C-alpha atoms as a PDB file:
ATOM      1  CA  UNK A   1      -2.670 -19.286  -0.616  1.00  0.00           C
ATOM      2  CA  UNK A   2      -0.234 -16.723   0.323  1.00  0.00           C
ATOM      3  CA  UNK A   3       2.425 -17.622   2.917  1.00  0.00           C
ATOM      4  CA  UNK A   4       2.836 -14.277   4.778  1.00  0.00           C
ATOM      5  CA  UNK A   5       6.026 -15.704   6.683  1.00  0.00           C
ATOM      6  CA  UNK A   6       7.918 -16.668   3.717  1.00  0.00           C
ATOM      7  CA  UNK A   7      11.067 -14.221   3.378  1.00  0.00           C
ATOM      8  CA  UNK A   8      10.354 -13.831  -0.334  1.00  0.00           C
ATOM      9  CA  UNK A   9       6.954 -12.769   0.212  1.00  0.00           C
ATOM     10  CA  UNK A  10       8.006 -10.405   3.076  1.00  0.00           C
ATOM     11  CA  UNK A  11      10.634  -8.710   0.796  1.00  0.00           C
ATOM     12  CA  UNK A  12       8.423  -8.078  -1.901  1.00  0.00           C
ATOM     13  CA  UNK A  13       5.830  -6.590   0.561  1.00  0.00           C
ATOM     14  CA  UNK A  14       8.524  -4.483   2.120  1.00  0.00           C
ATOM     15  CA  UNK A  15       9.533  -3.163  -1.486  1.00  0.00           C
ATOM     16  CA  UNK A  16       5.664  -2.417  -2.042  1.00  0.00           C
ATOM     17  CA  UNK A  17       5.427  -0.553   1.199  1.00  0.00           C
ATOM     18  CA  UNK A  18       8.606   1.560   0.484  1.00  0.00           C
ATOM     19  CA  UNK A  19       7.059   2.444  -3.034  1.00  0.00           C
ATOM     20  CA  UNK A  20       3.846   3.523  -1.593  1.00  0.00           C
ATOM     21  CA  UNK A  21       5.468   5.741   1.132  1.00  0.00           C
ATOM     22  CA  UNK A  22       7.465   7.412  -1.519  1.00  0.00           C
ATOM     23  CA  UNK A  23       4.336   8.166  -3.668  1.00  0.00           C
ATOM     24  CA  UNK A  24       2.471   9.383  -0.508  1.00  0.00           C
ATOM     25  CA  UNK A  25       5.511  11.461   0.347  1.00  0.00           C
ATOM     26  CA  UNK A  26       5.448  13.165  -2.909  1.00  0.00           C
ATOM     27  CA  UNK A  27       1.603  13.964  -2.538  1.00  0.00           C
ATOM     28  CA  UNK A  28       2.090  15.412   0.611  1.00  0.00           C
ATOM     29  CA  UNK A  29       5.157  17.539  -0.328  1.00  0.00           C
ATOM     30  CA  UNK A  30       3.121  18.880  -3.321  1.00  0.00           C
ATOM     31  CA  UNK A  31       0.051  19.766  -0.905  1.00  0.00           C
ATOM     32  CA  UNK A  32       2.459  21.695   1.343  1.00  0.00           C
ATOM     33  CA  UNK A  33       4.143  23.571  -1.459  1.00  0.00           C
ATOM     34  CA  UNK A  34       0.713  24.433  -3.062  1.00  0.00           C
ATOM     35  CA  UNK A  35      -0.572  26.148   0.062  1.00  0.00           C
ATOM     36  CA  UNK A  36       2.510  27.566   1.688  1.00  0.00           C
ATOM     37  CA  UNK A  37       1.235  31.019   0.761  1.00  0.00           C
ATOM     38  CA  UNK A  38      -1.612  30.626   3.159  1.00  0.00           C
ATOM     39  CA  UNK A  39       0.450  29.601   6.038  1.00  0.00           C
ATOM     40  CA  UNK A  40       2.811  32.727   5.340  1.00  0.00           C
ATOM     41  CA  UNK A  41      -0.288  34.940   5.578  1.00  0.00           C
ATOM     42  CA  UNK A  42      -1.453  33.254   8.780  1.00  0.00           C
ATOM     43  CA  UNK A  43       1.842  34.252  10.237  1.00  0.00           C
ATOM     44  CA  UNK A  44       2.639  37.555   8.749  1.00  0.00           C
ATOM     45  CA  UNK A  45      -0.990  38.905   8.736  1.00  0.00           C
ATOM     46  CA  UNK A  46      -2.818  38.203  11.990  1.00  0.00           C
ATOM     47  CA  UNK A  47      -6.443  39.096  12.098  1.00  0.00           C
ATOM     48  CA  UNK A  48      -8.546  40.051  15.013  1.00  0.00           C
ATOM     49  CA  UNK A  49     -10.945  37.529  16.043  1.00  0.00           C
ATOM     50  CA  UNK A  50      -8.989  34.617  14.651  1.00  0.00           C
ATOM     51  CA  UNK A  51      -8.441  31.788  17.247  1.00  0.00           C
ATOM     52  CA  UNK A  52      -4.684  31.453  17.905  1.00  0.00           C
ATOM     53  CA  UNK A  53      -4.981  27.842  19.326  1.00  0.00           C
ATOM     54  CA  UNK A  54      -6.758  26.523  16.080  1.00  0.00           C
ATOM     55  CA  UNK A  55      -4.155  28.551  13.947  1.00  0.00           C
ATOM     56  CA  UNK A  56      -1.063  26.897  15.578  1.00  0.00           C
ATOM     57  CA  UNK A  57      -2.645  23.519  15.679  1.00  0.00           C
ATOM     58  CA  UNK A  58      -3.115  23.978  12.026  1.00  0.00           C
ATOM     59  CA  UNK A  59       0.405  25.002  11.320  1.00  0.00           C
ATOM     60  CA  UNK A  60       1.983  22.270  13.612  1.00  0.00           C
ATOM     61  CA  UNK A  61      -0.279  19.600  12.405  1.00  0.00           C
ATOM     62  CA  UNK A  62       0.993  20.220   8.828  1.00  0.00           C
ATOM     63  CA  UNK A  63       4.810  20.698   9.484  1.00  0.00           C
ATOM     64  CA  UNK A  64       5.098  17.737  12.115  1.00  0.00           C
ATOM     65  CA  UNK A  65       3.797  15.690   9.391  1.00  0.00           C
ATOM     66  CA  UNK A  66       6.207  16.889   6.776  1.00  0.00           C
ATOM     67  CA  UNK A  67       8.956  16.161   9.490  1.00  0.00           C
ATOM     68  CA  UNK A  68       7.689  12.785   9.772  1.00  0.00           C
ATOM     69  CA  UNK A  69       7.526  12.280   6.149  1.00  0.00           C
ATOM     70  CA  UNK A  70      10.909  13.649   5.768  1.00  0.00           C
ATOM     71  CA  UNK A  71      12.225  11.161   8.523  1.00  0.00           C
ATOM     72  CA  UNK A  72      10.471   8.187   6.973  1.00  0.00           C
ATOM     73  CA  UNK A  73      12.184   9.092   3.410  1.00  0.00           C
ATOM     74  CA  UNK A  74      15.396   9.170   5.255  1.00  0.00           C
ATOM     75  CA  UNK A  75      15.110   5.784   6.795  1.00  0.00           C
ATOM     76  CA  UNK A  76      14.177   4.164   3.428  1.00  0.00           C
ATOM     77  CA  UNK A  77      16.779   5.762   1.426  1.00  0.00           C
ATOM     78  CA  UNK A  78      20.025   5.279   3.561  1.00  0.00           C
ATOM     79  CA  UNK A  79      22.797   2.915   2.305  1.00  0.00           C
ATOM     80  CA  UNK A  80      25.001   3.263   5.567  1.00  0.00           C
ATOM     81  CA  UNK A  81      24.150   1.862   9.017  1.00  0.00           C
ATOM     82  CA  UNK A  82      22.315   4.478  11.159  1.00  0.00           C
ATOM     83  CA  UNK A  83      20.528   4.431  14.465  1.00  0.00           C
ATOM     84  CA  UNK A  84      17.389   2.602  13.619  1.00  0.00           C
ATOM     85  CA  UNK A  85      15.786   2.683  17.173  1.00  0.00           C
ATOM     86  CA  UNK A  86      16.185   6.573  17.133  1.00  0.00           C
ATOM     87  CA  UNK A  87      14.761   6.971  13.486  1.00  0.00           C
ATOM     88  CA  UNK A  88      11.732   4.645  14.185  1.00  0.00           C
ATOM     89  CA  UNK A  89      11.357   6.851  17.433  1.00  0.00           C
ATOM     90  CA  UNK A  90      11.294  10.126  15.649  1.00  0.00           C
ATOM     91  CA  UNK A  91       8.886   8.694  13.020  1.00  0.00           C
ATOM     92  CA  UNK A  92       6.463   7.560  15.720  1.00  0.00           C
ATOM     93  CA  UNK A  93       6.428  10.769  17.742  1.00  0.00           C
ATOM     94  CA  UNK A  94       6.222  13.216  14.901  1.00  0.00           C
ATOM     95  CA  UNK A  95       3.749  11.245  13.097  1.00  0.00           C
ATOM     96  CA  UNK A  96       1.485  10.586  16.117  1.00  0.00           C
ATOM     97  CA  UNK A  97       1.699  14.101  17.142  1.00  0.00           C
ATOM     98  CA  UNK A  98       0.422  15.122  13.833  1.00  0.00           C
ATOM     99  CA  UNK A  99      -2.427  12.607  14.314  1.00  0.00           C
ATOM    100  CA  UNK A 100      -3.335  14.148  17.450  1.00  0.00           C
ATOM    101  CA  UNK A 101      -3.423  17.503  16.318  1.00  0.00           C
ATOM    102  CA  UNK A 102      -5.705  16.528  13.038  1.00  0.00           C
ATOM    103  CA  UNK A 103      -8.195  15.186  15.870  1.00  0.00           C
ATOM    104  CA  UNK A 104      -7.833  18.365  17.656  1.00  0.00           C
ATOM    105  CA  UNK A 105      -8.774  20.565  14.571  1.00  0.00           C
ATOM    106  CA  UNK A 106     -11.967  18.559  14.243  1.00  0.00           C
ATOM    107  CA  UNK A 107     -12.703  18.634  18.005  1.00  0.00           C
ATOM    108  CA  UNK A 108     -12.248  22.574  18.104  1.00  0.00           C
ATOM    109  CA  UNK A 109     -15.066  22.564  15.382  1.00  0.00           C
ATOM    110  CA  UNK A 110     -17.259  20.160  17.441  1.00  0.00           C
ATOM    111  CA  UNK A 111     -16.895  22.288  20.572  1.00  0.00           C
ATOM    112  CA  UNK A 112     -17.887  25.254  18.572  1.00  0.00           C
ATOM    113  CA  UNK A 113     -20.918  23.645  17.152  1.00  0.00           C
ATOM    114  CA  UNK A 114     -22.007  22.576  20.678  1.00  0.00           C
ATOM    115  CA  UNK A 115     -21.533  26.196  21.841  1.00  0.00           C
ATOM    116  CA  UNK A 116     -18.764  25.088  24.408  1.00  0.00           C
ATOM    117  CA  UNK A 117     -20.955  22.706  26.280  1.00  0.00           C
ATOM    118  CA  UNK A 118     -19.207  21.576  29.247  1.00  0.00           C
ATOM    119  CA  UNK A 119     -19.958  17.749  29.139  1.00  0.00           C
ATOM    120  CA  UNK A 120     -18.757  17.919  25.315  1.00  0.00           C
ATOM    121  CA  UNK A 121     -15.692  19.494  26.232  1.00  0.00           C
ATOM    122  CA  UNK A 122     -15.087  16.876  29.167  1.00  0.00           C
ATOM    123  CA  UNK A 123     -15.651  14.080  26.788  1.00  0.00           C
ATOM    124  CA  UNK A 124     -13.463  15.238  23.986  1.00  0.00           C
ATOM    125  CA  UNK A 125     -10.704  16.130  26.486  1.00  0.00           C
ATOM    126  CA  UNK A 126     -10.695  12.682  28.065  1.00  0.00           C
ATOM    127  CA  UNK A 127     -10.505  11.134  24.383  1.00  0.00           C
ATOM    128  CA  UNK A 128      -7.620  13.369  23.226  1.00  0.00           C
ATOM    129  CA  UNK A 129      -5.867  12.820  26.446  1.00  0.00           C
ATOM    130  CA  UNK A 130      -6.278   8.987  25.947  1.00  0.00           C
ATOM    131  CA  UNK A 131      -4.939   9.299  22.504  1.00  0.00           C
ATOM    132  CA  UNK A 132      -1.847  11.261  23.832  1.00  0.00           C
ATOM    133  CA  UNK A 133      -1.175   8.578  26.626  1.00  0.00           C
ATOM    134  CA  UNK A 134      -1.041   5.948  23.947  1.00  0.00           C
ATOM    135  CA  UNK A 135       1.474   8.036  21.815  1.00  0.00           C
ATOM    136  CA  UNK A 136       3.743   7.928  24.957  1.00  0.00           C
ATOM    137  CA  UNK A 137       3.131   4.232  25.264  1.00  0.00           C
ATOM    138  CA  UNK A 138       3.572   3.245  21.859  1.00  0.00           C
ATOM    139  CA  UNK A 139       6.705   5.294  21.252  1.00  0.00           C
ATOM    140  CA  UNK A 140       8.205   3.703  24.312  1.00  0.00           C
ATOM    141  CA  UNK A 141       7.535   0.330  22.567  1.00  0.00           C
ATOM    142  CA  UNK A 142       9.275   1.387  19.430  1.00  0.00           C
ATOM    143  CA  UNK A 143      11.934  -1.271  18.262  1.00  0.00           C
ATOM    144  CA  UNK A 144      14.132  -1.473  15.037  1.00  0.00           C
ATOM    145  CA  UNK A 145      17.538  -2.805  14.223  1.00  0.00           C
ATOM    146  CA  UNK A 146      19.887  -2.452  11.176  1.00  0.00           C
ATOM    147  CA  UNK A 147      19.382  -5.234   8.551  1.00  0.00           C
ATOM    148  CA  UNK A 148      22.817  -5.816   6.991  1.00  0.00           C
ATOM    149  CA  UNK A 149      21.403  -7.977   4.260  1.00  0.00           C
ATOM    150  CA  UNK A 150      18.580  -5.569   3.215  1.00  0.00           C
ATOM    151  CA  UNK A 151      20.851  -2.614   4.065  1.00  0.00           C
ATOM    152  CA  UNK A 152      17.948  -0.829   5.760  1.00  0.00           C
ATOM    153  CA  UNK A 153      16.205  -0.450   9.095  1.00  0.00           C
ATOM    154  CA  UNK A 154      13.933  -3.557   9.845  1.00  0.00           C
ATOM    155  CA  UNK A 155      10.823  -3.038  12.196  1.00  0.00           C
ATOM    156  CA  UNK A 156       9.969  -5.185  15.168  1.00  0.00           C
ATOM    157  CA  UNK A 157       6.759  -5.583  16.939  1.00  0.00           C
ATOM    158  CA  UNK A 158       4.849  -2.994  14.719  1.00  0.00           C
ATOM    159  CA  UNK A 159       1.505  -4.574  16.046  1.00  0.00           C
ATOM    160  CA  UNK A 160       1.941  -2.805  19.264  1.00  0.00           C
ATOM    161  CA  UNK A 161       0.842   0.252  17.577  1.00  0.00           C
ATOM    162  CA  UNK A 162      -2.528  -1.121  16.776  1.00  0.00           C
ATOM    163  CA  UNK A 163      -3.834   0.338  20.162  1.00  0.00           C
ATOM    164  CA  UNK A 164      -3.162   3.792  19.119  1.00  0.00           C
ATOM    165  CA  UNK A 165      -4.535   3.415  15.643  1.00  0.00           C
ATOM    166  CA  UNK A 166      -7.824   1.723  17.097  1.00  0.00           C
ATOM    167  CA  UNK A 167      -8.131   4.567  19.391  1.00  0.00           C
ATOM    168  CA  UNK A 168      -7.730   6.961  16.684  1.00  0.00           C
ATOM    169  CA  UNK A 169     -10.442   5.497  14.898  1.00  0.00           C
ATOM    170  CA  UNK A 170     -12.792   5.439  17.935  1.00  0.00           C
ATOM    171  CA  UNK A 171     -11.977   9.085  18.624  1.00  0.00           C
ATOM    172  CA  UNK A 172     -12.543  10.369  15.057  1.00  0.00           C
ATOM    173  CA  UNK A 173     -15.691   8.508  14.740  1.00  0.00           C
ATOM    174  CA  UNK A 174     -17.015   9.814  17.928  1.00  0.00           C
ATOM    175  CA  UNK A 175     -15.960  13.467  17.046  1.00  0.00           C
ATOM    176  CA  UNK A 176     -17.920  12.737  13.677  1.00  0.00           C
ATOM    177  CA  UNK A 177     -21.123  11.618  15.579  1.00  0.00           C
ATOM    178  CA  UNK A 178     -20.989  14.659  17.799  1.00  0.00           C
ATOM    179  CA  UNK A 179     -20.592  16.957  14.883  1.00  0.00           C
ATOM    180  CA  UNK A 180     -23.605  15.643  13.202  1.00  0.00           C
ATOM    181  CA  UNK A 181     -25.811  15.417  16.183  1.00  0.00           C
ATOM    182  CA  UNK A 182     -24.673  19.007  16.937  1.00  0.00           C
ATOM    183  CA  UNK A 183     -25.691  20.191  13.534  1.00  0.00           C
ATOM    184  CA  UNK A 184     -28.817  18.415  13.630  1.00  0.00           C
ATOM    185  CA  UNK A 185     -29.851  20.392  17.045  1.00  0.00           C
ATOM    186  CA  UNK A 186     -29.284  23.851  15.290  1.00  0.00           C
ATOM    187  CA  UNK A 187     -32.767  23.672  13.373  1.00  0.00           C
ATOM    188  CA  UNK A 188     -32.795  27.451  12.739  1.00  0.00           C
ATOM    189  CA  UNK A 189     -29.725  27.516  10.494  1.00  0.00           C
ATOM    190  CA  UNK A 190     -30.484  24.545   8.373  1.00  0.00           C
ATOM    191  CA  UNK A 191     -31.390  26.774   5.472  1.00  0.00           C
ATOM    192  CA  UNK A 192     -27.966  28.600   5.619  1.00  0.00           C
ATOM    193  CA  UNK A 193     -25.201  27.818   3.421  1.00  0.00           C
ATOM    194  CA  UNK A 194     -22.706  27.383   6.339  1.00  0.00           C
ATOM    195  CA  UNK A 195     -24.912  24.601   7.697  1.00  0.00           C
ATOM    196  CA  UNK A 196     -24.784  22.878   4.536  1.00  0.00           C
ATOM    197  CA  UNK A 197     -21.076  23.603   4.162  1.00  0.00           C
ATOM    198  CA  UNK A 198     -20.218  21.984   7.596  1.00  0.00           C
ATOM    199  CA  UNK A 199     -22.634  19.093   6.975  1.00  0.00           C
ATOM    200  CA  UNK A 200     -20.981  18.115   3.739  1.00  0.00           C
ATOM    201  CA  UNK A 201     -17.342  18.490   5.114  1.00  0.00           C
ATOM    202  CA  UNK A 202     -18.578  16.150   7.856  1.00  0.00           C
ATOM    203  CA  UNK A 203     -19.845  13.575   5.399  1.00  0.00           C
ATOM    204  CA  UNK A 204     -16.576  13.643   3.488  1.00  0.00           C
ATOM    205  CA  UNK A 205     -14.831  13.144   6.857  1.00  0.00           C
ATOM    206  CA  UNK A 206     -16.787  10.100   7.553  1.00  0.00           C
ATOM    207  CA  UNK A 207     -15.905   8.634   4.009  1.00  0.00           C
ATOM    208  CA  UNK A 208     -12.217   9.507   4.616  1.00  0.00           C
ATOM    209  CA  UNK A 209     -12.295   7.644   8.026  1.00  0.00           C
ATOM    210  CA  UNK A 210     -13.801   4.529   6.505  1.00  0.00           C
ATOM    211  CA  UNK A 211     -11.351   4.450   3.632  1.00  0.00           C
ATOM    212  CA  UNK A 212      -8.111   5.116   5.198  1.00  0.00           C
ATOM    213  CA  UNK A 213      -8.391   4.270   8.855  1.00  0.00           C
ATOM    214  CA  UNK A 214     -10.209   0.938   8.839  1.00  0.00           C
ATOM    215  CA  UNK A 215      -7.630  -0.693   6.613  1.00  0.00           C
ATOM    216  CA  UNK A 216      -4.743   0.228   8.762  1.00  0.00           C
ATOM    217  CA  UNK A 217      -6.507  -1.025  11.976  1.00  0.00           C
ATOM    218  CA  UNK A 218      -7.621  -4.285   9.970  1.00  0.00           C
ATOM    219  CA  UNK A 219      -4.080  -5.184   9.021  1.00  0.00           C
ATOM    220  CA  UNK A 220      -2.640  -4.226  12.358  1.00  0.00           C
ATOM    221  CA  UNK A 221      -4.791  -6.801  14.175  1.00  0.00           C
ATOM    222  CA  UNK A 222      -4.413  -9.330  11.501  1.00  0.00           C
ATOM    223  CA  UNK A 223      -0.736  -9.096  11.963  1.00  0.00           C
ATOM    224  CA  UNK A 224       0.245 -10.902   8.925  1.00  0.00           C
ATOM    225  CA  UNK A 225       3.902  -9.803   8.938  1.00  0.00           C
ATOM    226  CA  UNK A 226       5.907  -6.533   9.588  1.00  0.00           C
ATOM    227  CA  UNK A 227       5.610  -4.626   6.231  1.00  0.00           C
ATOM    228  CA  UNK A 228       1.890  -5.546   5.977  1.00  0.00           C
ATOM    229  CA  UNK A 229       1.166  -3.991   9.481  1.00  0.00           C
ATOM    230  CA  UNK A 230       2.654  -0.521   8.369  1.00  0.00           C
ATOM    231  CA  UNK A 231       1.712  -0.584   4.828  1.00  0.00           C
ATOM    232  CA  UNK A 232      -1.426   1.754   5.001  1.00  0.00           C
ATOM    233  CA  UNK A 233      -0.106   3.740   8.219  1.00  0.00           C
ATOM    234  CA  UNK A 234       1.786   6.363   6.382  1.00  0.00           C
ATOM    235  CA  UNK A 235      -1.179   6.799   3.674  1.00  0.00           C
ATOM    236  CA  UNK A 236      -3.598   7.254   6.694  1.00  0.00           C
ATOM    237  CA  UNK A 237      -1.539   9.827   8.353  1.00  0.00           C
ATOM    238  CA  UNK A 238      -1.252  12.073   5.190  1.00  0.00           C
ATOM    239  CA  UNK A 239      -4.864  11.644   4.121  1.00  0.00           C
ATOM    240  CA  UNK A 240      -6.150  12.769   7.653  1.00  0.00           C
ATOM    241  CA  UNK A 241      -3.695  15.586   7.821  1.00  0.00           C
ATOM    242  CA  UNK A 242      -4.614  16.852   4.426  1.00  0.00           C
ATOM    243  CA  UNK A 243      -8.322  16.420   5.079  1.00  0.00           C
ATOM    244  CA  UNK A 244      -8.166  18.131   8.541  1.00  0.00           C
ATOM    245  CA  UNK A 245      -6.029  21.032   7.376  1.00  0.00           C
ATOM    246  CA  UNK A 246      -8.060  21.688   4.067  1.00  0.00           C
ATOM    247  CA  UNK A 247     -11.132  21.653   6.129  1.00  0.00           C
ATOM    248  CA  UNK A 248      -9.661  24.462   8.240  1.00  0.00           C
ATOM    249  CA  UNK A 249      -8.617  26.518   5.035  1.00  0.00           C
ATOM    250  CA  UNK A 250     -11.832  26.075   3.608  1.00  0.00           C
ATOM    251  CA  UNK A 251     -13.762  27.243   6.339  1.00  0.00           C
ATOM    252  CA  UNK A 252     -11.552  30.259   6.651  1.00  0.00           C
ATOM    253  CA  UNK A 253     -12.093  31.139   3.060  1.00  0.00           C
ATOM    254  CA  UNK A 254     -15.891  30.437   3.167  1.00  0.00           C
ATOM    255  CA  UNK A 255     -17.686  33.099   1.158  1.00  0.00           C
ATOM    256  CA  UNK A 256     -20.188  34.066   3.959  1.00  0.00           C
ATOM    257  CA  UNK A 257     -17.216  35.292   6.159  1.00  0.00           C
ATOM    258  CA  UNK A 258     -16.074  38.080   3.858  1.00  0.00           C
ATOM    259  CA  UNK A 259     -16.847  41.576   4.476  1.00  0.00           C
ATOM    260  CA  UNK A 260     -15.980  44.481   2.350  1.00  0.00           C
ATOM    261  CA  UNK A 261     -13.426  47.467   2.750  1.00  0.00           C
ATOM    262  CA  UNK A 262     -11.140  49.620   0.968  1.00  0.00           C
ATOM    263  CA  UNK A 263     -12.372  50.904  -2.326  1.00  0.00           C
ATOM    264  CA  UNK A 264     -11.154  49.839  -5.614  1.00  0.00           C
ATOM    265  CA  UNK A 265     -11.247  51.355  -9.165  1.00  0.00           C
ATOM    266  CA  UNK A 266     -14.086  49.971 -11.221  1.00  0.00           C
ATOM    267  CA  UNK A 267     -13.107  48.361 -14.436  1.00  0.00           C
ATOM    268  CA  UNK A 268     -14.514  49.535 -17.735  1.00  0.00           C
ATOM    269  CA  UNK A 269     -17.723  47.988 -18.630  1.00  0.00           C
ATOM    270  CA  UNK A 270     -19.014  47.562 -15.016  1.00  0.00           C
ATOM    271  CA  UNK A 271     -22.585  48.948 -14.405  1.00  0.00           C
ATOM    272  CA  UNK A 272     -23.270  52.340 -12.976  1.00  0.00           C
ATOM    273  CA  UNK A 273     -25.770  53.430 -10.156  1.00  0.00           C
ATOM    274  CA  UNK A 274     -28.153  56.228 -11.145  1.00  0.00           C
ATOM    275  CA  UNK A 275     -30.186  58.369  -8.568  1.00  0.00           C
ATOM    276  CA  UNK A 276     -33.017  60.455  -9.895  1.00  0.00           C
ATOM    277  CA  UNK A 277     -33.317  63.674  -7.969  1.00  0.00           C
ATOM    278  CA  UNK A 278     -36.612  65.672  -8.023  1.00  0.00           C
ATOM    279  CA  UNK A 279     -36.114  69.550  -7.391  1.00  0.00           C
ATOM    280  CA  UNK A 280     -38.411  72.591  -8.035  1.00  0.00           C
ATOM    281  CA  UNK A 281     -36.291  73.611 -11.075  1.00  0.00           C
ATOM    282  CA  UNK A 282     -36.743  70.134 -12.865  1.00  0.00           C
ATOM    283  CA  UNK A 283     -35.778  66.323 -12.664  1.00  0.00           C
ATOM    284  CA  UNK A 284     -31.911  65.610 -12.721  1.00  0.00           C
ATOM    285  CA  UNK A 285     -30.193  62.360 -12.759  1.00  0.00           C
ATOM    286  CA  UNK A 286     -26.904  61.751 -11.064  1.00  0.00           C
ATOM    287  CA  UNK A 287     -24.803  58.623 -12.067  1.00  0.00           C
ATOM    288  CA  UNK A 288     -21.894  57.366 -10.091  1.00  0.00           C
ATOM    289  CA  UNK A 289     -19.962  54.053 -10.439  1.00  0.00           C
ATOM    290  CA  UNK A 290     -20.495  51.078  -8.074  1.00  0.00           C
ATOM    291  CA  UNK A 291     -17.766  50.919  -5.444  1.00  0.00           C
ATOM    292  CA  UNK A 292     -15.937  47.363  -5.240  1.00  0.00           C
ATOM    293  CA  UNK A 293     -14.212  46.888  -2.054  1.00  0.00           C
ATOM    294  CA  UNK A 294     -11.364  44.467  -0.959  1.00  0.00           C
ATOM    295  CA  UNK A 295     -12.402  41.418   1.175  1.00  0.00           C
ATOM    296  CA  UNK A 296     -10.886  40.655   4.568  1.00  0.00           C
ATOM    297  CA  UNK A 297     -11.411  37.620   6.854  1.00  0.00           C
ATOM    298  CA  UNK A 298     -13.567  37.578   9.836  1.00  0.00           C
ATOM    299  CA  UNK A 299     -14.606  34.777  12.000  1.00  0.00           C
ATOM    300  CA  UNK A 300     -17.799  33.208  10.395  1.00  0.00           C
ATOM    301  CA  UNK A 301     -20.901  34.116  12.370  1.00  0.00           C
ATOM    302  CA  UNK A 302     -24.412  33.226  11.015  1.00  0.00           C
ATOM    303  CA  UNK A 303     -27.333  35.261  12.258  1.00  0.00           C
ATOM    304  CA  UNK A 304     -30.746  33.620  12.130  1.00  0.00           C
ATOM    305  CA  UNK A 305     -33.230  36.442  11.812  1.00  0.00           C
ATOM    306  CA  UNK A 306     -36.607  35.682  13.367  1.00  0.00           C
ATOM    307  CA  UNK A 307     -39.616  38.037  13.574  1.00  0.00           C
ATOM    308  CA  UNK A 308     -41.884  37.930  16.392  1.00  0.00           C
ATOM    309  CA  UNK A 309     -45.102  39.902  16.079  1.00  0.00           C
ATOM    310  CA  UNK A 310     -46.207  41.400  19.263  1.00  0.00           C
ATOM    311  CA  UNK A 311     -48.962  43.884  18.878  1.00  0.00           C
ATOM    312  CA  UNK A 312     -48.710  46.957  21.398  1.00  0.00           C
ATOM    313  CA  UNK A 313     -51.692  49.267  20.920  1.00  0.00           C
ATOM    314  CA  UNK A 314     -51.336  52.739  22.217  1.00  0.00           C
ATOM    315  CA  UNK A 315     -54.318  55.105  21.929  1.00  0.00           C
ATOM    316  CA  UNK A 316     -53.515  58.701  20.747  1.00  0.00           C
ATOM    317  CA  UNK A 317     -56.803  60.250  20.263  1.00  0.00           C
ATOM    318  CA  UNK A 318     -58.472  58.299  17.345  1.00  0.00           C
ATOM    319  CA  UNK A 319     -55.227  56.870  16.250  1.00  0.00           C
ATOM    320  CA  UNK A 320     -53.662  53.377  17.264  1.00  0.00           C
ATOM    321  CA  UNK A 321     -49.948  52.519  16.943  1.00  0.00           C
ATOM    322  CA  UNK A 322     -49.126  49.002  16.254  1.00  0.00           C
ATOM    323  CA  UNK A 323     -45.426  47.703  17.004  1.00  0.00           C
ATOM    324  CA  UNK A 324     -43.629  44.602  15.751  1.00  0.00           C
ATOM    325  CA  UNK A 325     -40.342  43.508  17.532  1.00  0.00           C
ATOM    326  CA  UNK A 326     -37.738  41.127  15.944  1.00  0.00           C
ATOM    327  CA  UNK A 327     -34.874  39.316  17.712  1.00  0.00           C
ATOM    328  CA  UNK A 328     -31.624  37.583  16.270  1.00  0.00           C
ATOM    329  CA  UNK A 329     -29.965  34.336  17.228  1.00  0.00           C
ATOM    330  CA  UNK A 330     -26.567  33.745  16.497  1.00  0.00           C
ATOM    331  CA  UNK A 331     -24.654  30.504  15.581  1.00  0.00           C
ATOM    332  CA  UNK A 332     -20.865  30.929  15.598  1.00  0.00           C
ATOM    333  CA  UNK A 333     -18.356  28.666  14.296  1.00  0.00           C
ATOM    334  CA  UNK A 334     -14.733  28.965  15.232  1.00  0.00           C
ATOM    335  CA  UNK A 335     -11.909  29.082  12.624  1.00  0.00           C
END
């Protein structure tokens, strides 16, 4: 049986934690670098109808997480004594705020699905405020010191963060339940691609929560030793931030949101559109190229077309006129 308090075991697990953090940091830096063009377009090409709140939550979530990752790497790679208390505080504040913003990105989607229902907004606001209050509490409890033997910062009382991670798990699970219930209520759009798209994304988020959040919470409550308490926390942060921000980008780029504008030249080999015109002098055929247009983003709006037959008979001599009316209902998802 493993002796979790043995100094040799603790040192080995600390080394494993450092290696895992470096691996996760590399993955996240690659994620930011590979999608930075999207962020530049968000800042330099504002579009009408796009939610500014969602955009800034997305950007802050990504780059606060990047700042937290850089702080973690600094603390794990220094060879001279630093202010470990200030270092750990910066890691906690930056990382926890990125957690909060990832939850907010999901919460905004839930509010849109529920069509800004006031009870839903009140519940989500209370949940997010509780999460933020725990950020302040846990950050005030942060404690670390310089270890001259290991030549690095040593954590103390890391199990105090379990309240925040447990609350984050509960909040994310609640948001998922609300998302699925909200989607199930909108029966009229179940056949539309956007509904299936949101459902699949919600299911993927459920799997992610189970894979990355539950292990962190379990190890924090077990409190085996300090390295094991935090071994999965950075991986959880990176996984949730990547998932939340990618969900935002994929929804923004969803094919149903495209409209067409500004003509382009048709490449050789594309089909042509022919029009047959009948005239007294004979039949002629006019041929023109199909016009391609550049897409631009618009907020996603699904219109469910329903037909309601209402016969209205009007007598005009021996004739009867029958009219049919239609109506549309809209299901809007914010970006």
